[in-house]
Amino acid sequence: MIPISWLMSASNDQLLHFETARLNKAAILEKEAKAMRDEADDQRIEAGVAAWLREHRQEMLSTVGTHLESVTEISRKNVA
């Protein structure tokens, strides 16, 4: 933390530089925080996909397997 005595004795140019530097640092931190929030959101989405697949994968595989068998059977009939 900056000493209040320095702030009270600083020139206008020094205070302007101090203000600009702190605003720049704040902007950088906000940008980093946004990137971290975005990454956290991506991780939650991927976790949700995994959870959904745990619950529905077998059903999906059964459905796909049935359809693949039907397609294979139709193909055999058309070739014969």
N, C-alpha and C. Protein backbone atom coordinates (compact mmCIF):
# COMPACT_ATOMS: atom_id res chain seq x y z
N MET A 1 0.85 -1.18 0.00
CA MET A 1 0.00 0.00 0.00
C MET A 1 0.90 1.24 0.00
N ILE A 2 0.51 2.21 -0.74
CA ILE A 2 1.29 3.45 -0.87
C ILE A 2 1.08 4.32 0.38
N PRO A 3 2.15 4.86 0.92
CA PRO A 3 2.01 5.70 2.11
C PRO A 3 1.23 6.98 1.79
N ILE A 4 0.31 7.35 2.66
CA ILE A 4 -0.50 8.54 2.46
C ILE A 4 0.38 9.79 2.41
N SER A 5 1.49 9.76 3.13
CA SER A 5 2.37 10.93 3.12
C SER A 5 2.94 11.16 1.72
N TRP A 6 3.25 10.06 1.00
CA TRP A 6 3.75 10.23 -0.37
C TRP A 6 2.65 10.81 -1.26
N LEU A 7 1.45 10.28 -1.14
CA LEU A 7 0.34 10.77 -1.95
C LEU A 7 0.09 12.27 -1.71
N MET A 8 0.19 12.67 -0.47
CA MET A 8 -0.07 14.08 -0.14
C MET A 8 1.04 15.00 -0.64
N SER A 9 2.26 14.49 -0.77
CA SER A 9 3.37 15.34 -1.18
C SER A 9 3.73 15.19 -2.66
N ALA A 10 3.12 14.24 -3.36
CA ALA A 10 3.45 13.98 -4.76
C ALA A 10 2.97 15.13 -5.65
N SER A 11 3.71 15.31 -6.73
CA SER A 11 3.30 16.32 -7.71
C SER A 11 2.12 15.79 -8.52
N ASN A 12 1.47 16.68 -9.24
CA ASN A 12 0.36 16.25 -10.10
C ASN A 12 0.82 15.23 -11.12
N ASP A 13 2.02 15.42 -11.70
CA ASP A 13 2.55 14.46 -12.67
C ASP A 13 2.78 13.10 -12.01
N GLN A 14 3.29 13.10 -10.80
CA GLN A 14 3.51 11.83 -10.09
C GLN A 14 2.18 11.14 -9.79
N LEU A 15 1.21 11.93 -9.36
CA LEU A 15 -0.10 11.35 -9.08
C LEU A 15 -0.76 10.81 -10.35
N LEU A 16 -0.60 11.52 -11.45
CA LEU A 16 -1.14 11.05 -12.73
C LEU A 16 -0.46 9.75 -13.13
N HIS A 17 0.85 9.67 -12.99
CA HIS A 17 1.58 8.45 -13.31
C HIS A 17 1.12 7.31 -12.40
N PHE A 18 0.99 7.59 -11.12
CA PHE A 18 0.53 6.59 -10.16
C PHE A 18 -0.87 6.08 -10.53
N GLU A 19 -1.77 7.01 -10.82
CA GLU A 19 -3.14 6.66 -11.20
C GLU A 19 -3.15 5.79 -12.46
N THR A 20 -2.41 6.21 -13.48
CA THR A 20 -2.36 5.48 -14.74
C THR A 20 -1.79 4.08 -14.54
N ALA A 21 -0.74 3.97 -13.74
CA ALA A 21 -0.13 2.67 -13.48
C ALA A 21 -1.10 1.74 -12.77
N ARG A 22 -1.83 2.27 -11.79
CA ARG A 22 -2.79 1.43 -11.05
C ARG A 22 -3.96 1.02 -11.94
N LEU A 23 -4.44 1.92 -12.78
CA LEU A 23 -5.53 1.56 -13.70
C LEU A 23 -5.07 0.51 -14.70
N ASN A 24 -3.84 0.63 -15.17
CA ASN A 24 -3.29 -0.36 -16.10
C ASN A 24 -3.20 -1.73 -15.42
N LYS A 25 -2.69 -1.75 -14.19
CA LYS A 25 -2.59 -3.01 -13.45
C LYS A 25 -3.97 -3.62 -13.22
N ALA A 26 -4.95 -2.78 -12.88
CA ALA A 26 -6.31 -3.26 -12.67
C ALA A 26 -6.87 -3.87 -13.95
N ALA A 27 -6.62 -3.24 -15.10
CA ALA A 27 -7.10 -3.75 -16.38
C ALA A 27 -6.47 -5.11 -16.69
N ILE A 28 -5.19 -5.23 -16.42
CA ILE A 28 -4.50 -6.51 -16.64
C ILE A 28 -5.10 -7.59 -15.76
N LEU A 29 -5.32 -7.28 -14.49
CA LEU A 29 -5.90 -8.26 -13.58
C LEU A 29 -7.31 -8.66 -14.00
N GLU A 30 -8.10 -7.70 -14.46
CA GLU A 30 -9.45 -8.01 -14.93
C GLU A 30 -9.41 -8.92 -16.16
N LYS A 31 -8.47 -8.66 -17.05
CA LYS A 31 -8.33 -9.50 -18.24
C LYS A 31 -7.94 -10.93 -17.85
N GLU A 32 -7.01 -11.05 -16.90
CA GLU A 32 -6.61 -12.38 -16.43
C GLU A 32 -7.77 -13.09 -15.75
N ALA A 33 -8.54 -12.35 -14.95
CA ALA A 33 -9.68 -12.94 -14.25
C ALA A 33 -10.72 -13.43 -15.26
N LYS A 34 -10.96 -12.66 -16.32
CA LYS A 34 -11.91 -13.07 -17.36
C LYS A 34 -11.44 -14.35 -18.03
N ALA A 35 -10.15 -14.42 -18.34
CA ALA A 35 -9.61 -15.63 -18.96
C ALA A 35 -9.79 -16.83 -18.04
N MET A 36 -9.58 -16.63 -16.76
CA MET A 36 -9.75 -17.72 -15.80
C MET A 36 -11.22 -18.13 -15.68
N ARG A 37 -12.14 -17.15 -15.69
CA ARG A 37 -13.58 -17.47 -15.65
C ARG A 37 -13.97 -18.25 -16.90
N ASP A 38 -13.47 -17.83 -18.05
CA ASP A 38 -13.77 -18.54 -19.30
C ASP A 38 -13.27 -19.97 -19.25
N GLU A 39 -12.06 -20.15 -18.73
CA GLU A 39 -11.50 -21.51 -18.62
C GLU A 39 -12.32 -22.35 -17.64
N ALA A 40 -12.73 -21.75 -16.53
CA ALA A 40 -13.56 -22.47 -15.56
C ALA A 40 -14.89 -22.88 -16.20
N ASP A 41 -15.49 -21.98 -16.98
CA ASP A 41 -16.73 -22.31 -17.68
C ASP A 41 -16.52 -23.48 -18.64
N ASP A 42 -15.42 -23.46 -19.38
CA ASP A 42 -15.11 -24.57 -20.30
C ASP A 42 -14.97 -25.88 -19.55
N GLN A 43 -14.32 -25.85 -18.40
CA GLN A 43 -14.14 -27.06 -17.61
C GLN A 43 -15.48 -27.60 -17.11
N ARG A 44 -16.38 -26.69 -16.67
CA ARG A 44 -17.70 -27.12 -16.23
C ARG A 44 -18.50 -27.73 -17.37
N ILE A 45 -18.39 -27.15 -18.56
CA ILE A 45 -19.10 -27.69 -19.73
C ILE A 45 -18.59 -29.09 -20.04
N GLU A 46 -17.27 -29.27 -20.05
CA GLU A 46 -16.70 -30.59 -20.33
C GLU A 46 -17.12 -31.60 -19.27
N ALA A 47 -17.17 -31.17 -18.01
CA ALA A 47 -17.63 -32.08 -16.94
C ALA A 47 -19.08 -32.46 -17.16
N GLY A 48 -19.90 -31.51 -17.61
CA GLY A 48 -21.30 -31.81 -17.88
C GLY A 48 -21.47 -32.81 -19.01
N VAL A 49 -20.66 -32.68 -20.04
CA VAL A 49 -20.71 -33.64 -21.15
C VAL A 49 -20.35 -35.04 -20.64
N ALA A 50 -19.30 -35.11 -19.81
CA ALA A 50 -18.90 -36.41 -19.27
C ALA A 50 -20.02 -37.00 -18.40
N ALA A 51 -20.66 -36.18 -17.58
CA ALA A 51 -21.75 -36.66 -16.74
C ALA A 51 -22.91 -37.17 -17.59
N TRP A 52 -23.24 -36.40 -18.63
CA TRP A 52 -24.33 -36.81 -19.51
C TRP A 52 -24.00 -38.14 -20.19
N LEU A 53 -22.76 -38.27 -20.65
CA LEU A 53 -22.36 -39.51 -21.31
C LEU A 53 -22.40 -40.69 -20.35
N ARG A 54 -21.99 -40.49 -19.09
CA ARG A 54 -22.06 -41.58 -18.11
C ARG A 54 -23.49 -42.09 -17.99
N GLU A 55 -24.44 -41.18 -18.05
CA GLU A 55 -25.84 -41.57 -17.87
C GLU A 55 -26.48 -42.12 -19.14
N HIS A 56 -26.02 -41.72 -20.31
CA HIS A 56 -26.70 -42.07 -21.56
C HIS A 56 -25.87 -42.87 -22.56
N ARG A 57 -24.62 -43.12 -22.26
CA ARG A 57 -23.75 -43.77 -23.24
C ARG A 57 -24.26 -45.15 -23.67
N GLN A 58 -24.66 -45.95 -22.71
CA GLN A 58 -25.10 -47.31 -23.05
C GLN A 58 -26.32 -47.27 -23.96
N GLU A 59 -27.25 -46.38 -23.64
CA GLU A 59 -28.44 -46.23 -24.47
C GLU A 59 -28.06 -45.79 -25.88
N MET A 60 -27.13 -44.86 -25.98
CA MET A 60 -26.69 -44.39 -27.29
C MET A 60 -26.02 -45.51 -28.08
N LEU A 61 -25.14 -46.26 -27.40
CA LEU A 61 -24.45 -47.35 -28.09
C LEU A 61 -25.42 -48.42 -28.56
N SER A 62 -26.43 -48.70 -27.75
CA SER A 62 -27.43 -49.70 -28.14
C SER A 62 -28.20 -49.22 -29.37
N THR A 63 -28.60 -47.96 -29.36
CA THR A 63 -29.35 -47.39 -30.48
C THR A 63 -28.50 -47.39 -31.75
N VAL A 64 -27.26 -46.93 -31.62
CA VAL A 64 -26.36 -46.89 -32.78
C VAL A 64 -26.11 -48.31 -33.29
N GLY A 65 -25.89 -49.24 -32.38
CA GLY A 65 -25.65 -50.62 -32.78
C GLY A 65 -26.83 -51.19 -33.55
N THR A 66 -28.05 -50.93 -33.09
CA THR A 66 -29.26 -51.41 -33.78
C THR A 66 -29.35 -50.82 -35.17
N HIS A 67 -29.08 -49.53 -35.29
CA HIS A 67 -29.15 -48.87 -36.60
C HIS A 67 -28.05 -49.38 -37.53
N LEU A 68 -26.88 -49.62 -36.98
CA LEU A 68 -25.79 -50.14 -37.82
C LEU A 68 -26.11 -51.53 -38.33
N GLU A 69 -26.72 -52.33 -37.48
CA GLU A 69 -27.12 -53.67 -37.91
C GLU A 69 -28.15 -53.58 -39.04
N SER A 70 -29.10 -52.65 -38.91
CA SER A 70 -30.12 -52.47 -39.95
C SER A 70 -29.49 -52.02 -41.26
N VAL A 71 -28.57 -51.09 -41.19
CA VAL A 71 -27.90 -50.59 -42.40
C VAL A 71 -27.10 -51.70 -43.05
N THR A 72 -26.41 -52.49 -42.24
CA THR A 72 -25.62 -53.59 -42.77
C THR A 72 -26.53 -54.61 -43.44
N GLU A 73 -27.66 -54.90 -42.83
CA GLU A 73 -28.60 -55.86 -43.39
C GLU A 73 -29.17 -55.36 -44.72
N ILE A 74 -29.54 -54.09 -44.78
CA ILE A 74 -30.07 -53.50 -46.02
C ILE A 74 -29.01 -53.54 -47.10
N SER A 75 -27.77 -53.23 -46.75
CA SER A 75 -26.68 -53.25 -47.73
C SER A 75 -26.48 -54.65 -48.30
N ARG A 76 -26.55 -55.65 -47.45
CA ARG A 76 -26.38 -57.03 -47.92
C ARG A 76 -27.47 -57.41 -48.91
N LYS A 77 -28.69 -57.00 -48.61
CA LYS A 77 -29.82 -57.32 -49.51
C LYS A 77 -29.65 -56.64 -50.85
N ASN A 78 -29.17 -55.42 -50.82
CA ASN A 78 -28.99 -54.67 -52.09
C ASN A 78 -27.83 -55.22 -52.91
N VAL A 79 -26.83 -55.78 -52.27
CA VAL A 79 -25.67 -56.33 -52.99
C VAL A 79 -26.06 -57.70 -53.59
N ALA A 80 -26.88 -58.43 -52.90
CA ALA A 80 -27.24 -59.78 -53.35
C ALA A 80 -28.17 -59.80 -54.52
